[in-house]
Amino acid sequence: MAAAYIQNEGEFDELLSSESLLVIDCTAAWCGPCKLVAPLIDQLADEYSDRAKVLKLDLDANREIANRYQIRSIPAVMFFKQGEVAETLVGKKSYEEYVEVLTKYLA
């Protein structure tokens, strides 16, 4: 199951207020390393669907969110706990690294 894309800032804000654990993959169509991270995020979304909401965010379509969180490099995977950024992993990471951070916030 592929991780869905957040469509706009309104949907993003709604998710922040309603989800206790949210993982957002900040990506862009032109970003090479993002394409390598995408299947890992899809796998996370699939494996942890019952415990966390894992989604993608196209930064070209959502510049205001990129500005709000000062995202300068992508891929950037943000982990939100209770609506606050708990951690951000920038650059291509292994699946194990994403799982490690996610499970830390599941507790």
PDB file of N, CA and C in Angstrom:
ATOM      1  N   MET A   1       0.847  -1.196   0.000  1.00  0.00           N
ATOM      2  CA  MET A   1       0.000   0.000   0.000  1.00  0.00           C
ATOM      3  C   MET A   1       0.882   1.246   0.000  1.00  0.00           C
ATOM      4  N   ALA A   2       0.649   2.110  -0.939  1.00  0.00           N
ATOM      5  CA  ALA A   2       1.449   3.330  -1.022  1.00  0.00           C
ATOM      6  C   ALA A   2       0.933   4.379  -0.039  1.00  0.00           C
ATOM      7  N   ALA A   3       1.852   5.138   0.511  1.00  0.00           N
ATOM      8  CA  ALA A   3       1.476   6.240   1.396  1.00  0.00           C
ATOM      9  C   ALA A   3       0.783   7.310   0.560  1.00  0.00           C
ATOM     10  N   ALA A   4      -0.306   7.841   1.063  1.00  0.00           N
ATOM     11  CA  ALA A   4      -1.069   8.860   0.344  1.00  0.00           C
ATOM     12  C   ALA A   4      -0.376  10.216   0.445  1.00  0.00           C
ATOM     13  N   TYR A   5      -0.724  11.097  -0.468  1.00  0.00           N
ATOM     14  CA  TYR A   5      -0.197  12.470  -0.444  1.00  0.00           C
ATOM     15  C   TYR A   5      -1.169  13.392   0.274  1.00  0.00           C
ATOM     16  N   ILE A   6      -0.639  14.275   1.094  1.00  0.00           N
ATOM     17  CA  ILE A   6      -1.438  15.327   1.713  1.00  0.00           C
ATOM     18  C   ILE A   6      -1.671  16.371   0.626  1.00  0.00           C
ATOM     19  N   GLN A   7      -2.914  16.818   0.476  1.00  0.00           N
ATOM     20  CA  GLN A   7      -3.253  17.707  -0.627  1.00  0.00           C
ATOM     21  C   GLN A   7      -2.978  19.182  -0.372  1.00  0.00           C
ATOM     22  N   ASN A   8      -3.157  19.631   0.881  1.00  0.00           N
ATOM     23  CA  ASN A   8      -3.011  21.063   1.131  1.00  0.00           C
ATOM     24  C   ASN A   8      -2.749  21.327   2.615  1.00  0.00           C
ATOM     25  N   GLU A   9      -2.529  22.592   2.927  1.00  0.00           N
ATOM     26  CA  GLU A   9      -2.189  22.989   4.291  1.00  0.00           C
ATOM     27  C   GLU A   9      -3.342  22.717   5.267  1.00  0.00           C
ATOM     28  N   GLY A  10      -4.568  22.875   4.810  1.00  0.00           N
ATOM     29  CA  GLY A  10      -5.734  22.605   5.649  1.00  0.00           C
ATOM     30  C   GLY A  10      -5.778  21.160   6.101  1.00  0.00           C
ATOM     31  N   GLU A  11      -5.557  20.252   5.141  1.00  0.00           N
ATOM     32  CA  GLU A  11      -5.540  18.818   5.460  1.00  0.00           C
ATOM     33  C   GLU A  11      -4.379  18.512   6.408  1.00  0.00           C
ATOM     34  N   PHE A  12      -3.231  19.117   6.154  1.00  0.00           N
ATOM     35  CA  PHE A  12      -2.043  18.932   6.984  1.00  0.00           C
ATOM     36  C   PHE A  12      -2.337  19.344   8.434  1.00  0.00           C
ATOM     37  N   ASP A  13      -2.921  20.533   8.607  1.00  0.00           N
ATOM     38  CA  ASP A  13      -3.234  21.037   9.950  1.00  0.00           C
ATOM     39  C   ASP A  13      -4.258  20.157  10.659  1.00  0.00           C
ATOM     40  N   GLU A  14      -5.212  19.649   9.901  1.00  0.00           N
ATOM     41  CA  GLU A  14      -6.226  18.765  10.469  1.00  0.00           C
ATOM     42  C   GLU A  14      -5.581  17.471  10.977  1.00  0.00           C
ATOM     43  N   LEU A  15      -4.658  16.936  10.191  1.00  0.00           N
ATOM     44  CA  LEU A  15      -3.942  15.721  10.594  1.00  0.00           C
ATOM     45  C   LEU A  15      -3.112  15.964  11.851  1.00  0.00           C
ATOM     46  N   LEU A  16      -2.464  17.123  11.915  1.00  0.00           N
ATOM     47  CA  LEU A  16      -1.651  17.459  13.094  1.00  0.00           C
ATOM     48  C   LEU A  16      -2.492  17.448  14.365  1.00  0.00           C
ATOM     49  N   SER A  17      -3.713  17.937  14.266  1.00  0.00           N
ATOM     50  CA  SER A  17      -4.550  18.020  15.457  1.00  0.00           C
ATOM     51  C   SER A  17      -5.255  16.707  15.776  1.00  0.00           C
ATOM     52  N   SER A  18      -5.417  15.823  14.795  1.00  0.00           N
ATOM     53  CA  SER A  18      -6.188  14.602  15.025  1.00  0.00           C
ATOM     54  C   SER A  18      -5.353  13.340  15.215  1.00  0.00           C
ATOM     55  N   GLU A  19      -4.119  13.331  14.729  1.00  0.00           N
ATOM     56  CA  GLU A  19      -3.296  12.127  14.810  1.00  0.00           C
ATOM     57  C   GLU A  19      -2.268  12.248  15.930  1.00  0.00           C
ATOM     58  N   SER A  20      -2.152  11.207  16.757  1.00  0.00           N
ATOM     59  CA  SER A  20      -1.182  11.267  17.855  1.00  0.00           C
ATOM     60  C   SER A  20       0.244  11.035  17.332  1.00  0.00           C
ATOM     61  N   LEU A  21       0.380  10.196  16.294  1.00  0.00           N
ATOM     62  CA  LEU A  21       1.699   9.961  15.700  1.00  0.00           C
ATOM     63  C   LEU A  21       1.578  10.053  14.189  1.00  0.00           C
ATOM     64  N   LEU A  22       2.327  10.979  13.628  1.00  0.00           N
ATOM     65  CA  LEU A  22       2.242  11.282  12.207  1.00  0.00           C
ATOM     66  C   LEU A  22       3.654  11.294  11.625  1.00  0.00           C
ATOM     67  N   VAL A  23       3.829  10.592  10.504  1.00  0.00           N
ATOM     68  CA  VAL A  23       5.118  10.571   9.806  1.00  0.00           C
ATOM     69  C   VAL A  23       4.876  11.180   8.431  1.00  0.00           C
ATOM     70  N   ILE A  24       5.628  12.249   8.121  1.00  0.00           N
ATOM     71  CA  ILE A  24       5.448  12.947   6.844  1.00  0.00           C
ATOM     72  C   ILE A  24       6.755  12.914   6.054  1.00  0.00           C
ATOM     73  N   ASP A  25       6.684  12.342   4.862  1.00  0.00           N
ATOM     74  CA  ASP A  25       7.822  12.320   3.950  1.00  0.00           C
ATOM     75  C   ASP A  25       7.719  13.545   3.048  1.00  0.00           C
ATOM     76  N   CYS A  26       8.613  14.517   3.260  1.00  0.00           N
ATOM     77  CA  CYS A  26       8.637  15.728   2.432  1.00  0.00           C
ATOM     78  C   CYS A  26       9.443  15.422   1.184  1.00  0.00           C
ATOM     79  N   THR A  27       8.799  15.554   0.044  1.00  0.00           N
ATOM     80  CA  THR A  27       9.379  15.081  -1.196  1.00  0.00           C
ATOM     81  C   THR A  27       9.080  16.042  -2.348  1.00  0.00           C
ATOM     82  N   ALA A  28       9.643  15.762  -3.515  1.00  0.00           N
ATOM     83  CA  ALA A  28       9.351  16.523  -4.737  1.00  0.00           C
ATOM     84  C   ALA A  28       9.633  15.622  -5.936  1.00  0.00           C
ATOM     85  N   ALA A  29       8.892  15.831  -6.991  1.00  0.00           N
ATOM     86  CA  ALA A  29       9.000  14.977  -8.181  1.00  0.00           C
ATOM     87  C   ALA A  29      10.402  14.993  -8.797  1.00  0.00           C
ATOM     88  N   TRP A  30      11.107  16.120  -8.690  1.00  0.00           N
ATOM     89  CA  TRP A  30      12.416  16.270  -9.335  1.00  0.00           C
ATOM     90  C   TRP A  30      13.567  15.736  -8.474  1.00  0.00           C
ATOM     91  N   CYS A  31      13.279  15.304  -7.259  1.00  0.00           N
ATOM     92  CA  CYS A  31      14.317  14.914  -6.293  1.00  0.00           C
ATOM     93  C   CYS A  31      14.689  13.439  -6.434  1.00  0.00           C
ATOM     94  N   GLY A  32      15.906  13.176  -6.889  1.00  0.00           N
ATOM     95  CA  GLY A  32      16.395  11.802  -7.073  1.00  0.00           C
ATOM     96  C   GLY A  32      16.381  10.964  -5.809  1.00  0.00           C
ATOM     97  N   PRO A  33      17.047  11.429  -4.731  1.00  0.00           N
ATOM     98  CA  PRO A  33      17.061  10.645  -3.481  1.00  0.00           C
ATOM     99  C   PRO A  33      15.655  10.389  -2.921  1.00  0.00           C
ATOM    100  N   CYS A  34      14.719  11.306  -3.194  1.00  0.00           N
ATOM    101  CA  CYS A  34      13.335  11.124  -2.727  1.00  0.00           C
ATOM    102  C   CYS A  34      12.728   9.863  -3.334  1.00  0.00           C
ATOM    103  N   LYS A  35      13.084   9.591  -4.594  1.00  0.00           N
ATOM    104  CA  LYS A  35      12.556   8.407  -5.276  1.00  0.00           C
ATOM    105  C   LYS A  35      13.065   7.130  -4.620  1.00  0.00           C
ATOM    106  N   LEU A  36      14.257   7.193  -4.015  1.00  0.00           N
ATOM    107  CA  LEU A  36      14.809   6.024  -3.328  1.00  0.00           C
ATOM    108  C   LEU A  36      14.148   5.820  -1.968  1.00  0.00           C
ATOM    109  N   VAL A  37      13.740   6.902  -1.341  1.00  0.00           N
ATOM    110  CA  VAL A  37      13.097   6.849  -0.025  1.00  0.00           C
ATOM    111  C   VAL A  37      11.621   6.443  -0.147  1.00  0.00           C
ATOM    112  N   ALA A  38      10.972   6.814  -1.242  1.00  0.00           N
ATOM    113  CA  ALA A  38       9.527   6.585  -1.425  1.00  0.00           C
ATOM    114  C   ALA A  38       9.074   5.149  -1.118  1.00  0.00           C
ATOM    115  N   PRO A  39       9.761   4.104  -1.663  1.00  0.00           N
ATOM    116  CA  PRO A  39       9.291   2.741  -1.353  1.00  0.00           C
ATOM    117  C   PRO A  39       9.437   2.380   0.132  1.00  0.00           C
ATOM    118  N   LEU A  40      10.414   2.975   0.800  1.00  0.00           N
ATOM    119  CA  LEU A  40      10.595   2.717   2.233  1.00  0.00           C
ATOM    120  C   LEU A  40       9.443   3.322   3.023  1.00  0.00           C
ATOM    121  N   ILE A  41       9.020   4.516   2.608  1.00  0.00           N
ATOM    122  CA  ILE A  41       7.894   5.195   3.265  1.00  0.00           C
ATOM    123  C   ILE A  41       6.602   4.410   3.013  1.00  0.00           C
ATOM    124  N   ASP A  42       6.452   3.884   1.794  1.00  0.00           N
ATOM    125  CA  ASP A  42       5.281   3.061   1.480  1.00  0.00           C
ATOM    126  C   ASP A  42       5.257   1.821   2.372  1.00  0.00           C
ATOM    127  N   GLN A  43       6.420   1.221   2.576  1.00  0.00           N
ATOM    128  CA  GLN A  43       6.541   0.034   3.427  1.00  0.00           C
ATOM    129  C   GLN A  43       6.188   0.377   4.882  1.00  0.00           C
ATOM    130  N   LEU A  44       6.676   1.535   5.358  1.00  0.00           N
ATOM    131  CA  LEU A  44       6.338   2.007   6.716  1.00  0.00           C
ATOM    132  C   LEU A  44       4.828   2.194   6.847  1.00  0.00           C
ATOM    133  N   ALA A  45       4.232   2.837   5.850  1.00  0.00           N
ATOM    134  CA  ALA A  45       2.789   3.109   5.858  1.00  0.00           C
ATOM    135  C   ALA A  45       2.018   1.801   5.969  1.00  0.00           C
ATOM    136  N   ASP A  46       2.488   0.797   5.249  1.00  0.00           N
ATOM    137  CA  ASP A  46       1.838  -0.502   5.219  1.00  0.00           C
ATOM    138  C   ASP A  46       2.014  -1.224   6.559  1.00  0.00           C
ATOM    139  N   GLU A  47       3.240  -1.303   7.023  1.00  0.00           N
ATOM    140  CA  GLU A  47       3.559  -2.065   8.232  1.00  0.00           C
ATOM    141  C   GLU A  47       3.020  -1.452   9.518  1.00  0.00           C
ATOM    142  N   TYR A  48       2.936  -0.120   9.560  1.00  0.00           N
ATOM    143  CA  TYR A  48       2.524   0.553  10.790  1.00  0.00           C
ATOM    144  C   TYR A  48       1.168   1.235  10.679  1.00  0.00           C
ATOM    145  N   SER A  49       0.376   0.838   9.682  1.00  0.00           N
ATOM    146  CA  SER A  49      -0.905   1.504   9.420  1.00  0.00           C
ATOM    147  C   SER A  49      -1.841   1.508  10.632  1.00  0.00           C
ATOM    148  N   ASP A  50      -1.716   0.522  11.497  1.00  0.00           N
ATOM    149  CA  ASP A  50      -2.597   0.440  12.666  1.00  0.00           C
ATOM    150  C   ASP A  50      -2.095   1.272  13.850  1.00  0.00           C
ATOM    151  N   ARG A  51      -0.849   1.785  13.750  1.00  0.00           N
ATOM    152  CA  ARG A  51      -0.269   2.499  14.891  1.00  0.00           C
ATOM    153  C   ARG A  51       0.166   3.929  14.605  1.00  0.00           C
ATOM    154  N   ALA A  52       0.346   4.257  13.323  1.00  0.00           N
ATOM    155  CA  ALA A  52       0.788   5.611  12.966  1.00  0.00           C
ATOM    156  C   ALA A  52       0.254   5.959  11.587  1.00  0.00           C
ATOM    157  N   LYS A  53       0.100   7.247  11.346  1.00  0.00           N
ATOM    158  CA  LYS A  53      -0.337   7.726  10.039  1.00  0.00           C
ATOM    159  C   LYS A  53       0.926   8.136   9.282  1.00  0.00           C
ATOM    160  N   VAL A  54       1.194   7.475   8.162  1.00  0.00           N
ATOM    161  CA  VAL A  54       2.391   7.753   7.359  1.00  0.00           C
ATOM    162  C   VAL A  54       1.938   8.305   6.009  1.00  0.00           C
ATOM    163  N   LEU A  55       2.380   9.538   5.703  1.00  0.00           N
ATOM    164  CA  LEU A  55       1.934  10.218   4.487  1.00  0.00           C
ATOM    165  C   LEU A  55       3.094  10.906   3.778  1.00  0.00           C
ATOM    166  N   LYS A  56       2.827  11.344   2.550  1.00  0.00           N
ATOM    167  CA  LYS A  56       3.820  12.092   1.778  1.00  0.00           C
ATOM    168  C   LYS A  56       3.309  13.510   1.553  1.00  0.00           C
ATOM    169  N   LEU A  57       4.252  14.412   1.370  1.00  0.00           N
ATOM    170  CA  LEU A  57       3.913  15.814   1.141  1.00  0.00           C
ATOM    171  C   LEU A  57       4.796  16.350   0.023  1.00  0.00           C
ATOM    172  N   ASP A  58       4.170  16.758  -1.083  1.00  0.00           N
ATOM    173  CA  ASP A  58       4.913  17.348  -2.193  1.00  0.00           C
ATOM    174  C   ASP A  58       5.186  18.804  -1.840  1.00  0.00           C
ATOM    175  N   LEU A  59       6.466  19.118  -1.633  1.00  0.00           N
ATOM    176  CA  LEU A  59       6.814  20.468  -1.192  1.00  0.00           C
ATOM    177  C   LEU A  59       6.613  21.523  -2.268  1.00  0.00           C
ATOM    178  N   ASP A  60       6.697  21.141  -3.530  1.00  0.00           N
ATOM    179  CA  ASP A  60       6.454  22.115  -4.594  1.00  0.00           C
ATOM    180  C   ASP A  60       5.010  22.600  -4.548  1.00  0.00           C
ATOM    181  N   ALA A  61       4.096  21.719  -4.145  1.00  0.00           N
ATOM    182  CA  ALA A  61       2.677  22.073  -4.081  1.00  0.00           C
ATOM    183  C   ALA A  61       2.299  22.659  -2.715  1.00  0.00           C
ATOM    184  N   ASN A  62       3.200  22.549  -1.750  1.00  0.00           N
ATOM    185  CA  ASN A  62       2.903  22.999  -0.383  1.00  0.00           C
ATOM    186  C   ASN A  62       4.061  23.803   0.203  1.00  0.00           C
ATOM    187  N   ARG A  63       4.440  24.862  -0.496  1.00  0.00           N
ATOM    188  CA  ARG A  63       5.586  25.681  -0.069  1.00  0.00           C
ATOM    189  C   ARG A  63       5.406  26.299   1.317  1.00  0.00           C
ATOM    190  N   GLU A  64       4.152  26.637   1.664  1.00  0.00           N
ATOM    191  CA  GLU A  64       3.912  27.273   2.964  1.00  0.00           C
ATOM    192  C   GLU A  64       4.276  26.326   4.117  1.00  0.00           C
ATOM    193  N   ILE A  65       4.061  25.021   3.923  1.00  0.00           N
ATOM    194  CA  ILE A  65       4.435  24.054   4.965  1.00  0.00           C
ATOM    195  C   ILE A  65       5.955  23.922   5.028  1.00  0.00           C
ATOM    196  N   ALA A  66       6.600  23.911   3.868  1.00  0.00           N
ATOM    197  CA  ALA A  66       8.066  23.852   3.820  1.00  0.00           C
ATOM    198  C   ALA A  66       8.661  25.053   4.561  1.00  0.00           C
ATOM    199  N   ASN A  67       8.072  26.220   4.345  1.00  0.00           N
ATOM    200  CA  ASN A  67       8.548  27.435   5.011  1.00  0.00           C
ATOM    201  C   ASN A  67       8.292  27.378   6.517  1.00  0.00           C
ATOM    202  N   ARG A  68       7.124  26.897   6.889  1.00  0.00           N
ATOM    203  CA  ARG A  68       6.760  26.834   8.300  1.00  0.00           C
ATOM    204  C   ARG A  68       7.762  25.984   9.099  1.00  0.00           C
ATOM    205  N   TYR A  69       8.213  24.882   8.496  1.00  0.00           N
ATOM    206  CA  TYR A  69       9.138  23.973   9.199  1.00  0.00           C
ATOM    207  C   TYR A  69      10.591  24.140   8.743  1.00  0.00           C
ATOM    208  N   GLN A  70      10.841  25.186   7.980  1.00  0.00           N
ATOM    209  CA  GLN A  70      12.175  25.491   7.464  1.00  0.00           C
ATOM    210  C   GLN A  70      12.878  24.283   6.831  1.00  0.00           C
ATOM    211  N   ILE A  71      12.150  23.624   5.953  1.00  0.00           N
ATOM    212  CA  ILE A  71      12.718  22.470   5.255  1.00  0.00           C
ATOM    213  C   ILE A  71      13.551  22.989   4.091  1.00  0.00           C
ATOM    214  N   ARG A  72      14.837  22.768   4.177  1.00  0.00           N
ATOM    215  CA  ARG A  72      15.769  23.264   3.153  1.00  0.00           C
ATOM    216  C   ARG A  72      16.322  22.130   2.291  1.00  0.00           C
ATOM    217  N   SER A  73      16.359  20.916   2.833  1.00  0.00           N
ATOM    218  CA  SER A  73      16.895  19.765   2.109  1.00  0.00           C
ATOM    219  C   SER A  73      15.871  18.643   2.120  1.00  0.00           C
ATOM    220  N   ILE A  74      15.763  17.967   0.982  1.00  0.00           N
ATOM    221  CA  ILE A  74      14.880  16.807   0.923  1.00  0.00           C
ATOM    222  C   ILE A  74      15.668  15.635   0.346  1.00  0.00           C
ATOM    223  N   PRO A  75      15.273  14.417   0.594  1.00  0.00           N
ATOM    224  CA  PRO A  75      14.113  14.036   1.382  1.00  0.00           C
ATOM    225  C   PRO A  75      14.277  14.388   2.865  1.00  0.00           C
ATOM    226  N   ALA A  76      13.172  14.811   3.466  1.00  0.00           N
ATOM    227  CA  ALA A  76      13.123  15.061   4.905  1.00  0.00           C
ATOM    228  C   ALA A  76      11.886  14.347   5.433  1.00  0.00           C
ATOM    229  N   VAL A  77      12.089  13.460   6.393  1.00  0.00           N
ATOM    230  CA  VAL A  77      10.977  12.726   6.977  1.00  0.00           C
ATOM    231  C   VAL A  77      10.770  13.250   8.387  1.00  0.00           C
ATOM    232  N   MET A  78       9.597  13.865   8.593  1.00  0.00           N
ATOM    233  CA  MET A  78       9.286  14.470   9.889  1.00  0.00           C
ATOM    234  C   MET A  78       8.383  13.556  10.701  1.00  0.00           C
ATOM    235  N   PHE A  79       8.719  13.417  11.964  1.00  0.00           N
ATOM    236  CA  PHE A  79       7.925  12.612  12.892  1.00  0.00           C
ATOM    237  C   PHE A  79       7.232  13.566  13.856  1.00  0.00           C
ATOM    238  N   PHE A  80       5.905  13.550  13.861  1.00  0.00           N
ATOM    239  CA  PHE A  80       5.121  14.421  14.736  1.00  0.00           C
ATOM    240  C   PHE A  80       4.480  13.594  15.840  1.00  0.00           C
ATOM    241  N   LYS A  81       4.667  14.029  17.076  1.00  0.00           N
ATOM    242  CA  LYS A  81       4.023  13.392  18.224  1.00  0.00           C
ATOM    243  C   LYS A  81       3.106  14.445  18.835  1.00  0.00           C
ATOM    244  N   GLN A  82       1.804  14.146  18.920  1.00  0.00           N
ATOM    245  CA  GLN A  82       0.803  15.081  19.453  1.00  0.00           C
ATOM    246  C   GLN A  82       0.873  16.453  18.764  1.00  0.00           C
ATOM    247  N   GLY A  83       1.096  16.471  17.462  1.00  0.00           N
ATOM    248  CA  GLY A  83       1.079  17.714  16.704  1.00  0.00           C
ATOM    249  C   GLY A  83       2.367  18.510  16.702  1.00  0.00           C
ATOM    250  N   GLU A  84       3.388  18.028  17.430  1.00  0.00           N
ATOM    251  CA  GLU A  84       4.677  18.735  17.481  1.00  0.00           C
ATOM    252  C   GLU A  84       5.749  17.906  16.793  1.00  0.00           C
ATOM    253  N   VAL A  85       6.703  18.579  16.123  1.00  0.00           N
ATOM    254  CA  VAL A  85       7.810  17.852  15.497  1.00  0.00           C
ATOM    255  C   VAL A  85       8.661  17.233  16.594  1.00  0.00           C
ATOM    256  N   ALA A  86       8.775  15.916  16.561  1.00  0.00           N
ATOM    257  CA  ALA A  86       9.593  15.215  17.550  1.00  0.00           C
ATOM    258  C   ALA A  86      10.996  14.993  16.994  1.00  0.00           C
ATOM    259  N   GLU A  87      11.061  14.731  15.684  1.00  0.00           N
ATOM    260  CA  GLU A  87      12.354  14.445  15.053  1.00  0.00           C
ATOM    261  C   GLU A  87      12.211  14.576  13.535  1.00  0.00           C
ATOM    262  N   THR A  88      13.308  14.931  12.876  1.00  0.00           N
ATOM    263  CA  THR A  88      13.335  14.995  11.412  1.00  0.00           C
ATOM    264  C   THR A  88      14.592  14.301  10.915  1.00  0.00           C
ATOM    265  N   LEU A  89      14.420  13.375   9.990  1.00  0.00           N
ATOM    266  CA  LEU A  89      15.561  12.708   9.360  1.00  0.00           C
ATOM    267  C   LEU A  89      15.716  13.295   7.964  1.00  0.00           C
ATOM    268  N   VAL A  90      16.873  13.884   7.692  1.00  0.00           N
ATOM    269  CA  VAL A  90      17.123  14.513   6.395  1.00  0.00           C
ATOM    270  C   VAL A  90      18.093  13.648   5.596  1.00  0.00           C
ATOM    271  N   GLY A  91      17.796  13.510   4.306  1.00  0.00           N
ATOM    272  CA  GLY A  91      18.643  12.693   3.441  1.00  0.00           C
ATOM    273  C   GLY A  91      18.129  11.264   3.391  1.00  0.00           C
ATOM    274  N   LYS A  92      18.754  10.457   2.540  1.00  0.00           N
ATOM    275  CA  LYS A  92      18.315   9.069   2.398  1.00  0.00           C
ATOM    276  C   LYS A  92      18.802   8.270   3.600  1.00  0.00           C
ATOM    277  N   LYS A  93      17.873   7.570   4.237  1.00  0.00           N
ATOM    278  CA  LYS A  93      18.196   6.715   5.375  1.00  0.00           C
ATOM    279  C   LYS A  93      17.750   5.291   5.059  1.00  0.00           C
ATOM    280  N   SER A  94      18.198   4.347   5.876  1.00  0.00           N
ATOM    281  CA  SER A  94      17.771   2.963   5.683  1.00  0.00           C
ATOM    282  C   SER A  94      16.383   2.771   6.283  1.00  0.00           C
ATOM    283  N   TYR A  95      15.716   1.720   5.848  1.00  0.00           N
ATOM    284  CA  TYR A  95      14.391   1.418   6.386  1.00  0.00           C
ATOM    285  C   TYR A  95      14.476   1.240   7.909  1.00  0.00           C
ATOM    286  N   GLU A  96      15.542   0.580   8.356  1.00  0.00           N
ATOM    287  CA  GLU A  96      15.746   0.331   9.785  1.00  0.00           C
ATOM    288  C   GLU A  96      15.814   1.628  10.579  1.00  0.00           C
ATOM    289  N   GLU A  97      16.443   2.650  10.013  1.00  0.00           N
ATOM    290  CA  GLU A  97      16.544   3.941  10.710  1.00  0.00           C
ATOM    291  C   GLU A  97      15.164   4.587  10.883  1.00  0.00           C
ATOM    292  N   TYR A  98      14.320   4.503   9.837  1.00  0.00           N
ATOM    293  CA  TYR A  98      12.970   5.060   9.935  1.00  0.00           C
ATOM    294  C   TYR A  98      12.161   4.296  10.990  1.00  0.00           C
ATOM    295  N   VAL A  99      12.290   2.972  10.976  1.00  0.00           N
ATOM    296  CA  VAL A  99      11.567   2.130  11.935  1.00  0.00           C
ATOM    297  C   VAL A  99      12.008   2.450  13.370  1.00  0.00           C
ATOM    298  N   GLU A 100      13.317   2.614  13.536  1.00  0.00           N
ATOM    299  CA  GLU A 100      13.866   2.905  14.861  1.00  0.00           C
ATOM    300  C   GLU A 100      13.276   4.198  15.455  1.00  0.00           C
ATOM    301  N   VAL A 101      13.210   5.241  14.636  1.00  0.00           N
ATOM    302  CA  VAL A 101      12.661   6.516  15.101  1.00  0.00           C
ATOM    303  C   VAL A 101      11.156   6.367  15.341  1.00  0.00           C
ATOM    304  N   LEU A 102      10.460   5.721  14.434  1.00  0.00           N
ATOM    305  CA  LEU A 102       9.011   5.559  14.588  1.00  0.00           C
ATOM    306  C   LEU A 102       8.680   4.790  15.862  1.00  0.00           C
ATOM    307  N   THR A 103       9.354   3.689  16.098  1.00  0.00           N
ATOM    308  CA  THR A 103       9.043   2.869  17.281  1.00  0.00           C
ATOM    309  C   THR A 103       9.365   3.609  18.576  1.00  0.00           C
ATOM    310  N   LYS A 104      10.341   4.491  18.527  1.00  0.00           N
ATOM    311  CA  LYS A 104      10.682   5.298  19.704  1.00  0.00           C
ATOM    312  C   LYS A 104       9.479   6.139  20.151  1.00  0.00           C
ATOM    313  N   TYR A 105       8.706   6.641  19.184  1.00  0.00           N
ATOM    314  CA  TYR A 105       7.575   7.516  19.496  1.00  0.00           C
ATOM    315  C   TYR A 105       6.253   6.756  19.668  1.00  0.00           C
ATOM    316  N   LEU A 106       6.269   5.474  19.364  1.00  0.00           N
ATOM    317  CA  LEU A 106       5.069   4.656  19.547  1.00  0.00           C
ATOM    318  C   LEU A 106       4.828   4.359  21.021  1.00  0.00           C
ATOM    319  N   ALA A 107       5.902   4.367  21.793  1.00  0.00           N
ATOM    320  CA  ALA A 107       5.812   4.004  23.229  1.00  0.00           C
ATOM    321  C   ALA A 107       4.921   4.955  23.998  1.00  0.00           C
TER     322      ALA A 107
END
